[in-house]
PDB file of N, CA and C in Angstrom:
ATOM      1  N   UNK A   1      87.142 118.417  89.747  1.00  0.00           N
ATOM      2  CA  UNK A   1      87.907 117.820  90.820  1.00  0.00           C
ATOM      3  C   UNK A   1      87.868 116.303  90.650  1.00  0.00           C
ATOM      4  N   UNK A   2      89.000 115.647  90.869  1.00  0.00           N
ATOM      5  CA  UNK A   2      89.117 114.211  90.654  1.00  0.00           C
ATOM      6  C   UNK A   2      89.328 113.509  91.988  1.00  0.00           C
ATOM      7  N   UNK A   3      88.615 112.417  92.175  1.00  0.00           N
ATOM      8  CA  UNK A   3      88.776 111.586  93.368  1.00  0.00           C
ATOM      9  C   UNK A   3      90.096 110.835  93.242  1.00  0.00           C
ATOM     10  N   UNK A   4      90.991 111.002  94.222  1.00  0.00           N
ATOM     11  CA  UNK A   4      92.326 110.403  94.178  1.00  0.00           C
ATOM     12  C   UNK A   4      92.272 108.898  94.006  1.00  0.00           C
ATOM     13  N   UNK A   5      91.304 108.257  94.590  1.00  0.00           N
ATOM     14  CA  UNK A   5      91.213 106.809  94.506  1.00  0.00           C
ATOM     15  C   UNK A   5      90.728 106.360  93.126  1.00  0.00           C
ATOM     16  N   UNK A   6      90.063 107.231  92.379  1.00  0.00           N
ATOM     17  CA  UNK A   6      89.438 106.832  91.127  1.00  0.00           C
ATOM     18  C   UNK A   6      90.252 107.211  89.895  1.00  0.00           C
ATOM     19  N   UNK A   7      91.390 107.871  90.057  1.00  0.00           N
ATOM     20  CA  UNK A   7      92.178 108.309  88.902  1.00  0.00           C
ATOM     21  C   UNK A   7      92.707 107.084  88.154  1.00  0.00           C
ATOM     22  N   UNK A   8      92.306 106.949  86.917  1.00  0.00           N
ATOM     23  CA  UNK A   8      92.732 105.814  86.094  1.00  0.00           C
ATOM     24  C   UNK A   8      93.979 106.181  85.304  1.00  0.00           C
ATOM     25  N   UNK A   9      94.580 105.167  84.713  1.00  0.00           N
ATOM     26  CA  UNK A   9      95.741 105.415  83.857  1.00  0.00           C
ATOM     27  C   UNK A   9      95.348 106.329  82.687  1.00  0.00           C
ATOM     28  N   UNK A  10      94.187 106.111  82.116  1.00  0.00           N
ATOM     29  CA  UNK A  10      93.722 106.944  81.005  1.00  0.00           C
ATOM     30  C   UNK A  10      93.572 108.405  81.443  1.00  0.00           C
ATOM     31  N   UNK A  11      93.013 108.619  82.626  1.00  0.00           N
ATOM     32  CA  UNK A  11      92.866 109.990  83.132  1.00  0.00           C
ATOM     33  C   UNK A  11      94.239 110.630  83.349  1.00  0.00           C
ATOM     34  N   UNK A  12      95.188 109.851  83.849  1.00  0.00           N
ATOM     35  CA  UNK A  12      96.534 110.385  84.046  1.00  0.00           C
ATOM     36  C   UNK A  12      97.121 110.828  82.709  1.00  0.00           C
ATOM     37  N   UNK A  13      96.986 109.988  81.694  1.00  0.00           N
ATOM     38  CA  UNK A  13      97.501 110.328  80.370  1.00  0.00           C
ATOM     39  C   UNK A  13      96.876 111.631  79.872  1.00  0.00           C
ATOM     40  N   UNK A  14      95.587 111.807  80.109  1.00  0.00           N
ATOM     41  CA  UNK A  14      94.898 113.017  79.667  1.00  0.00           C
ATOM     42  C   UNK A  14      95.345 114.257  80.441  1.00  0.00           C
ATOM     43  N   UNK A  15      95.872 114.065  81.639  1.00  0.00           N
ATOM     44  CA  UNK A  15      96.281 115.193  82.495  1.00  0.00           C
ATOM     45  C   UNK A  15      97.778 115.472  82.454  1.00  0.00           C
ATOM     46  N   UNK A  16      98.546 114.642  81.778  1.00  0.00           N
ATOM     47  CA  UNK A  16     100.003 114.732  81.891  1.00  0.00           C
ATOM     48  C   UNK A  16     100.561 116.078  81.408  1.00  0.00           C
ATOM     49  N   UNK A  17     100.004 116.648  80.369  1.00  0.00           N
ATOM     50  CA  UNK A  17     100.509 117.941  79.885  1.00  0.00           C
ATOM     51  C   UNK A  17     100.307 119.019  80.936  1.00  0.00           C
ATOM     52  N   UNK A  18      99.124 119.059  81.514  1.00  0.00           N
ATOM     53  CA  UNK A  18      98.857 120.054  82.563  1.00  0.00           C
ATOM     54  C   UNK A  18      99.757 119.819  83.775  1.00  0.00           C
ATOM     55  N   UNK A  19     100.031 118.559  84.074  1.00  0.00           N
ATOM     56  CA  UNK A  19     100.940 118.247  85.185  1.00  0.00           C
ATOM     57  C   UNK A  19     102.337 118.791  84.893  1.00  0.00           C
ATOM     58  N   UNK A  20     102.831 118.521  83.714  1.00  0.00           N
ATOM     59  CA  UNK A  20     104.169 118.991  83.349  1.00  0.00           C
ATOM     60  C   UNK A  20     104.255 120.514  83.298  1.00  0.00           C
ATOM     61  N   UNK A  21     103.139 121.162  83.007  1.00  0.00           N
ATOM     62  CA  UNK A  21     103.099 122.628  82.966  1.00  0.00           C
ATOM     63  C   UNK A  21     102.725 123.230  84.315  1.00  0.00           C
ATOM     64  N   UNK A  22     102.592 122.381  85.335  1.00  0.00           N
ATOM     65  CA  UNK A  22     102.229 122.805  86.691  1.00  0.00           C
ATOM     66  C   UNK A  22     100.908 123.577  86.686  1.00  0.00           C
ATOM     67  N   UNK A  23      99.944 123.052  85.917  1.00  0.00           N
ATOM     68  CA  UNK A  23      98.666 123.740  85.756  1.00  0.00           C
ATOM     69  C   UNK A  23      97.496 122.996  86.401  1.00  0.00           C
ATOM     70  N   UNK A  24      97.774 121.960  87.181  1.00  0.00           N
ATOM     71  CA  UNK A  24      96.695 121.225  87.844  1.00  0.00           C
ATOM     72  C   UNK A  24      96.356 121.882  89.173  1.00  0.00           C
ATOM     73  N   UNK A  25      95.074 121.828  89.545  1.00  0.00           N
ATOM     74  CA  UNK A  25      94.707 122.305  90.873  1.00  0.00           C
ATOM     75  C   UNK A  25      95.275 121.323  91.900  1.00  0.00           C
ATOM     76  N   UNK A  26      95.333 121.751  93.151  1.00  0.00           N
ATOM     77  CA  UNK A  26      95.981 120.970  94.205  1.00  0.00           C
ATOM     78  C   UNK A  26      95.375 119.576  94.331  1.00  0.00           C
ATOM     79  N   UNK A  27      94.066 119.478  94.311  1.00  0.00           N
ATOM     80  CA  UNK A  27      93.388 118.193  94.467  1.00  0.00           C
ATOM     81  C   UNK A  27      93.725 117.240  93.323  1.00  0.00           C
ATOM     82  N   UNK A  28      93.697 117.742  92.104  1.00  0.00           N
ATOM     83  CA  UNK A  28      93.992 116.908  90.944  1.00  0.00           C
ATOM     84  C   UNK A  28      95.461 116.505  90.935  1.00  0.00           C
ATOM     85  N   UNK A  29      96.335 117.441  91.279  1.00  0.00           N
ATOM     86  CA  UNK A  29      97.770 117.131  91.345  1.00  0.00           C
ATOM     87  C   UNK A  29      98.029 116.042  92.389  1.00  0.00           C
ATOM     88  N   UNK A  30      97.357 116.125  93.531  1.00  0.00           N
ATOM     89  CA  UNK A  30      97.504 115.113  94.576  1.00  0.00           C
ATOM     90  C   UNK A  30      97.052 113.754  94.060  1.00  0.00           C
ATOM     91  N   UNK A  31      95.909 113.724  93.368  1.00  0.00           N
ATOM     92  CA  UNK A  31      95.404 112.472  92.806  1.00  0.00           C
ATOM     93  C   UNK A  31      96.382 111.921  91.770  1.00  0.00           C
ATOM     94  N   UNK A  32      96.916 112.795  90.956  1.00  0.00           N
ATOM     95  CA  UNK A  32      97.875 112.412  89.925  1.00  0.00           C
ATOM     96  C   UNK A  32      99.097 111.769  90.568  1.00  0.00           C
ATOM     97  N   UNK A  33      99.659 112.432  91.563  1.00  0.00           N
ATOM     98  CA  UNK A  33     100.866 111.934  92.219  1.00  0.00           C
ATOM     99  C   UNK A  33     100.593 110.667  93.031  1.00  0.00           C
ATOM    100  N   UNK A  34      99.408 110.547  93.590  1.00  0.00           N
ATOM    101  CA  UNK A  34      99.048 109.325  94.310  1.00  0.00           C
ATOM    102  C   UNK A  34      98.968 108.156  93.332  1.00  0.00           C
ATOM    103  N   UNK A  35      98.399 108.404  92.166  1.00  0.00           N
ATOM    104  CA  UNK A  35      98.335 107.357  91.151  1.00  0.00           C
ATOM    105  C   UNK A  35      99.750 106.945  90.741  1.00  0.00           C
ATOM    106  N   UNK A  36     100.618 107.925  90.507  1.00  0.00           N
ATOM    107  CA  UNK A  36     101.998 107.617  90.129  1.00  0.00           C
ATOM    108  C   UNK A  36     102.689 106.748  91.168  1.00  0.00           C
ATOM    109  N   UNK A  37     102.439 107.034  92.429  1.00  0.00           N
ATOM    110  CA  UNK A  37     103.087 106.301  93.512  1.00  0.00           C
ATOM    111  C   UNK A  37     102.760 104.812  93.480  1.00  0.00           C
ATOM    112  N   UNK A  38     101.620 104.458  92.911  1.00  0.00           N
ATOM    113  CA  UNK A  38     101.214 103.063  92.879  1.00  0.00           C
ATOM    114  C   UNK A  38     101.198 102.438  91.494  1.00  0.00           C
ATOM    115  N   UNK A  39     101.663 103.163  90.487  1.00  0.00           N
ATOM    116  CA  UNK A  39     101.568 102.656  89.116  1.00  0.00           C
ATOM    117  C   UNK A  39     102.905 102.824  88.386  1.00  0.00           C
ATOM    118  N   UNK A  40     103.703 101.778  88.338  1.00  0.00           N
ATOM    119  CA  UNK A  40     105.006 101.881  87.673  1.00  0.00           C
ATOM    120  C   UNK A  40     104.900 102.180  86.174  1.00  0.00           C
ATOM    121  N   UNK A  41     103.842 101.718  85.526  1.00  0.00           N
ATOM    122  CA  UNK A  41     103.699 101.995  84.096  1.00  0.00           C
ATOM    123  C   UNK A  41     103.487 103.482  83.831  1.00  0.00           C
ATOM    124  N   UNK A  42     102.631 104.125  84.626  1.00  0.00           N
ATOM    125  CA  UNK A  42     102.401 105.560  84.458  1.00  0.00           C
ATOM    126  C   UNK A  42     103.630 106.364  84.876  1.00  0.00           C
ATOM    127  N   UNK A  43     104.344 105.885  85.874  1.00  0.00           N
ATOM    128  CA  UNK A  43     105.584 106.550  86.290  1.00  0.00           C
ATOM    129  C   UNK A  43     106.594 106.509  85.142  1.00  0.00           C
ATOM    130  N   UNK A  44     106.705 105.370  84.485  1.00  0.00           N
ATOM    131  CA  UNK A  44     107.619 105.216  83.342  1.00  0.00           C
ATOM    132  C   UNK A  44     107.170 106.125  82.187  1.00  0.00           C
ATOM    133  N   UNK A  45     105.869 106.172  81.940  1.00  0.00           N
ATOM    134  CA  UNK A  45     105.322 107.027  80.878  1.00  0.00           C
ATOM    135  C   UNK A  45     105.667 108.499  81.144  1.00  0.00           C
ATOM    136  N   UNK A  46     105.447 108.944  82.365  1.00  0.00           N
ATOM    137  CA  UNK A  46     105.753 110.328  82.719  1.00  0.00           C
ATOM    138  C   UNK A  46     107.241 110.611  82.533  1.00  0.00           C
ATOM    139  N   UNK A  47     108.090 109.702  82.975  1.00  0.00           N
ATOM    140  CA  UNK A  47     109.547 109.897  82.848  1.00  0.00           C
ATOM    141  C   UNK A  47     109.951 109.992  81.384  1.00  0.00           C
ATOM    142  N   UNK A  48     109.350 109.163  80.527  1.00  0.00           N
ATOM    143  CA  UNK A  48     109.647 109.222  79.096  1.00  0.00           C
ATOM    144  C   UNK A  48     109.273 110.586  78.524  1.00  0.00           C
ATOM    145  N   UNK A  49     108.123 111.092  78.918  1.00  0.00           N
ATOM    146  CA  UNK A  49     107.708 112.417  78.430  1.00  0.00           C
ATOM    147  C   UNK A  49     108.631 113.510  78.947  1.00  0.00           C
ATOM    148  N   UNK A  50     109.038 113.404  80.202  1.00  0.00           N
ATOM    149  CA  UNK A  50     109.972 114.390  80.756  1.00  0.00           C
ATOM    150  C   UNK A  50     111.286 114.385  79.978  1.00  0.00           C
ATOM    151  N   UNK A  51     111.769 113.199  79.607  1.00  0.00           N
ATOM    152  CA  UNK A  51     113.006 113.107  78.826  1.00  0.00           C
ATOM    153  C   UNK A  51     112.835 113.684  77.426  1.00  0.00           C
ATOM    154  N   UNK A  52     111.671 113.468  76.835  1.00  0.00           N
ATOM    155  CA  UNK A  52     111.391 114.045  75.513  1.00  0.00           C
ATOM    156  C   UNK A  52     111.381 115.562  75.594  1.00  0.00           C
ATOM    157  N   UNK A  53     110.716 116.102  76.609  1.00  0.00           N
ATOM    158  CA  UNK A  53     110.667 117.549  76.788  1.00  0.00           C
ATOM    159  C   UNK A  53     112.079 118.102  76.989  1.00  0.00           C
ATOM    160  N   UNK A  54     112.873 117.414  77.768  1.00  0.00           N
ATOM    161  CA  UNK A  54     114.250 117.840  78.015  1.00  0.00           C
ATOM    162  C   UNK A  54     115.045 117.867  76.711  1.00  0.00           C
ATOM    163  N   UNK A  55     114.918 116.821  75.920  1.00  0.00           N
ATOM    164  CA  UNK A  55     115.668 116.727  74.669  1.00  0.00           C
ATOM    165  C   UNK A  55     115.188 117.739  73.641  1.00  0.00           C
ATOM    166  N   UNK A  56     113.884 117.848  73.476  1.00  0.00           N
ATOM    167  CA  UNK A  56     113.369 118.755  72.454  1.00  0.00           C
ATOM    168  C   UNK A  56     113.412 120.203  72.903  1.00  0.00           C
ATOM    169  N   UNK A  57     113.507 120.425  74.181  1.00  0.00           N
ATOM    170  CA  UNK A  57     113.622 121.789  74.684  1.00  0.00           C
ATOM    171  C   UNK A  57     114.906 122.459  74.252  1.00  0.00           C
ATOM    172  N   UNK A  58     115.847 121.674  73.809  1.00  0.00           N
ATOM    173  CA  UNK A  58     117.130 122.212  73.339  1.00  0.00           C
ATOM    174  C   UNK A  58     117.121 122.524  71.847  1.00  0.00           C
ATOM    175  N   UNK A  59     116.076 122.131  71.148  1.00  0.00           N
ATOM    176  CA  UNK A  59     116.002 122.384  69.716  1.00  0.00           C
ATOM    177  C   UNK A  59     115.657 123.835  69.436  1.00  0.00           C
ATOM    178  N   UNK A  60     116.232 124.354  68.402  1.00  0.00           N
ATOM    179  CA  UNK A  60     115.881 125.695  67.926  1.00  0.00           C
ATOM    180  C   UNK A  60     115.342 125.541  66.509  1.00  0.00           C
ATOM    181  N   UNK A  61     114.663 126.542  65.994  1.00  0.00           N
ATOM    182  CA  UNK A  61     114.178 126.441  64.610  1.00  0.00           C
ATOM    183  C   UNK A  61     115.304 126.143  63.613  1.00  0.00           C
ATOM    184  N   UNK A  62     116.498 126.634  63.893  1.00  0.00           N
ATOM    185  CA  UNK A  62     117.627 126.384  62.987  1.00  0.00           C
ATOM    186  C   UNK A  62     118.034 124.912  62.970  1.00  0.00           C
ATOM    187  N   UNK A  63     117.654 124.154  64.000  1.00  0.00           N
ATOM    188  CA  UNK A  63     117.995 122.735  64.064  1.00  0.00           C
ATOM    189  C   UNK A  63     117.150 121.880  63.121  1.00  0.00           C
ATOM    190  N   UNK A  64     116.038 122.412  62.658  1.00  0.00           N
ATOM    191  CA  UNK A  64     115.149 121.650  61.779  1.00  0.00           C
ATOM    192  C   UNK A  64     115.531 121.854  60.321  1.00  0.00           C
ATOM    193  N   UNK A  65     115.584 120.759  59.614  1.00  0.00           N
ATOM    194  CA  UNK A  65     115.779 120.872  58.172  1.00  0.00           C
ATOM    195  C   UNK A  65     114.464 121.357  57.565  1.00  0.00           C
ATOM    196  N   UNK A  66     114.510 121.924  56.376  1.00  0.00           N
ATOM    197  CA  UNK A  66     113.254 122.329  55.729  1.00  0.00           C
ATOM    198  C   UNK A  66     112.289 121.153  55.576  1.00  0.00           C
ATOM    199  N   UNK A  67     112.818 119.957  55.321  1.00  0.00           N
ATOM    200  CA  UNK A  67     111.980 118.775  55.170  1.00  0.00           C
ATOM    201  C   UNK A  67     111.303 118.414  56.495  1.00  0.00           C
ATOM    202  N   UNK A  68     112.045 118.502  57.595  1.00  0.00           N
ATOM    203  CA  UNK A  68     111.472 118.200  58.911  1.00  0.00           C
ATOM    204  C   UNK A  68     110.398 119.218  59.265  1.00  0.00           C
ATOM    205  N   UNK A  69     110.667 120.480  58.972  1.00  0.00           N
ATOM    206  CA  UNK A  69     109.673 121.521  59.247  1.00  0.00           C
ATOM    207  C   UNK A  69     108.394 121.258  58.455  1.00  0.00           C
ATOM    208  N   UNK A  70     108.543 120.926  57.193  1.00  0.00           N
ATOM    209  CA  UNK A  70     107.366 120.654  56.346  1.00  0.00           C
ATOM    210  C   UNK A  70     106.616 119.419  56.849  1.00  0.00           C
ATOM    211  N   UNK A  71     107.337 118.391  57.267  1.00  0.00           N
ATOM    212  CA  UNK A  71     106.689 117.180  57.782  1.00  0.00           C
ATOM    213  C   UNK A  71     105.892 117.494  59.050  1.00  0.00           C
ATOM    214  N   UNK A  72     106.449 118.314  59.924  1.00  0.00           N
ATOM    215  CA  UNK A  72     105.735 118.697  61.143  1.00  0.00           C
ATOM    216  C   UNK A  72     104.501 119.532  60.822  1.00  0.00           C
ATOM    217  N   UNK A  73     104.649 120.473  59.913  1.00  0.00           N
ATOM    218  CA  UNK A  73     103.499 121.296  59.531  1.00  0.00           C
ATOM    219  C   UNK A  73     102.387 120.432  58.943  1.00  0.00           C
ATOM    220  N   UNK A  74     102.756 119.458  58.123  1.00  0.00           N
ATOM    221  CA  UNK A  74     101.747 118.564  57.528  1.00  0.00           C
ATOM    222  C   UNK A  74     101.099 117.685  58.598  1.00  0.00           C
ATOM    223  N   UNK A  75     101.911 117.206  59.551  1.00  0.00           N
ATOM    224  CA  UNK A  75     101.383 116.328  60.597  1.00  0.00           C
ATOM    225  C   UNK A  75     100.356 117.040  61.461  1.00  0.00           C
ATOM    226  N   UNK A  76     100.560 118.323  61.685  1.00  0.00           N
ATOM    227  CA  UNK A  76      99.671 119.054  62.588  1.00  0.00           C
ATOM    228  C   UNK A  76      98.660 119.933  61.843  1.00  0.00           C
ATOM    229  N   UNK A  77      98.661 119.871  60.536  1.00  0.00           N
ATOM    230  CA  UNK A  77      97.681 120.642  59.763  1.00  0.00           C
ATOM    231  C   UNK A  77      96.273 120.214  60.143  1.00  0.00           C
ATOM    232  N   UNK A  78      95.481 121.156  60.545  1.00  0.00           N
ATOM    233  CA  UNK A  78      94.100 120.871  60.902  1.00  0.00           C
ATOM    234  C   UNK A  78      93.915 120.303  62.309  1.00  0.00           C
ATOM    235  N   UNK A  79      95.009 120.132  63.048  1.00  0.00           N
ATOM    236  CA  UNK A  79      94.918 119.581  64.393  1.00  0.00           C
ATOM    237  C   UNK A  79      94.296 120.598  65.322  1.00  0.00           C
ATOM    238  N   UNK A  80      93.389 120.125  66.162  1.00  0.00           N
ATOM    239  CA  UNK A  80      92.805 120.978  67.198  1.00  0.00           C
ATOM    240  C   UNK A  80      92.835 120.210  68.499  1.00  0.00           C
ATOM    241  N   UNK A  81      92.947 120.932  69.573  1.00  0.00           N
ATOM    242  CA  UNK A  81      92.942 120.309  70.902  1.00  0.00           C
ATOM    243  C   UNK A  81      91.509 119.976  71.263  1.00  0.00           C
ATOM    244  N   UNK A  82      91.272 118.725  71.621  1.00  0.00           N
ATOM    245  CA  UNK A  82      89.924 118.346  72.040  1.00  0.00           C
ATOM    246  C   UNK A  82      89.727 118.736  73.493  1.00  0.00           C
ATOM    247  N   UNK A  83      88.521 119.078  73.831  1.00  0.00           N
ATOM    248  CA  UNK A  83      88.259 119.506  75.212  1.00  0.00           C
ATOM    249  C   UNK A  83      87.719 118.390  76.049  1.00  0.00           C
TER     250      UNK A  83
END
């Protein structure tokens, strides 16, 4: 659980994926949204990510060239989500 007053920009960045996936608990979501209300930089960051999701959500595997697919596979080779 996160204290709404203590949510930093770094913490918001770390929580943004869960926010976009609607996976935050009520308390954390409230803290997240309270931070957004007072932080134009984080609001802009969130909007940029929302636009990226909107744009890339329209891509299909057929939209990727073989070179783009290989570049993505190489970029994420060995990548693991840190906890």
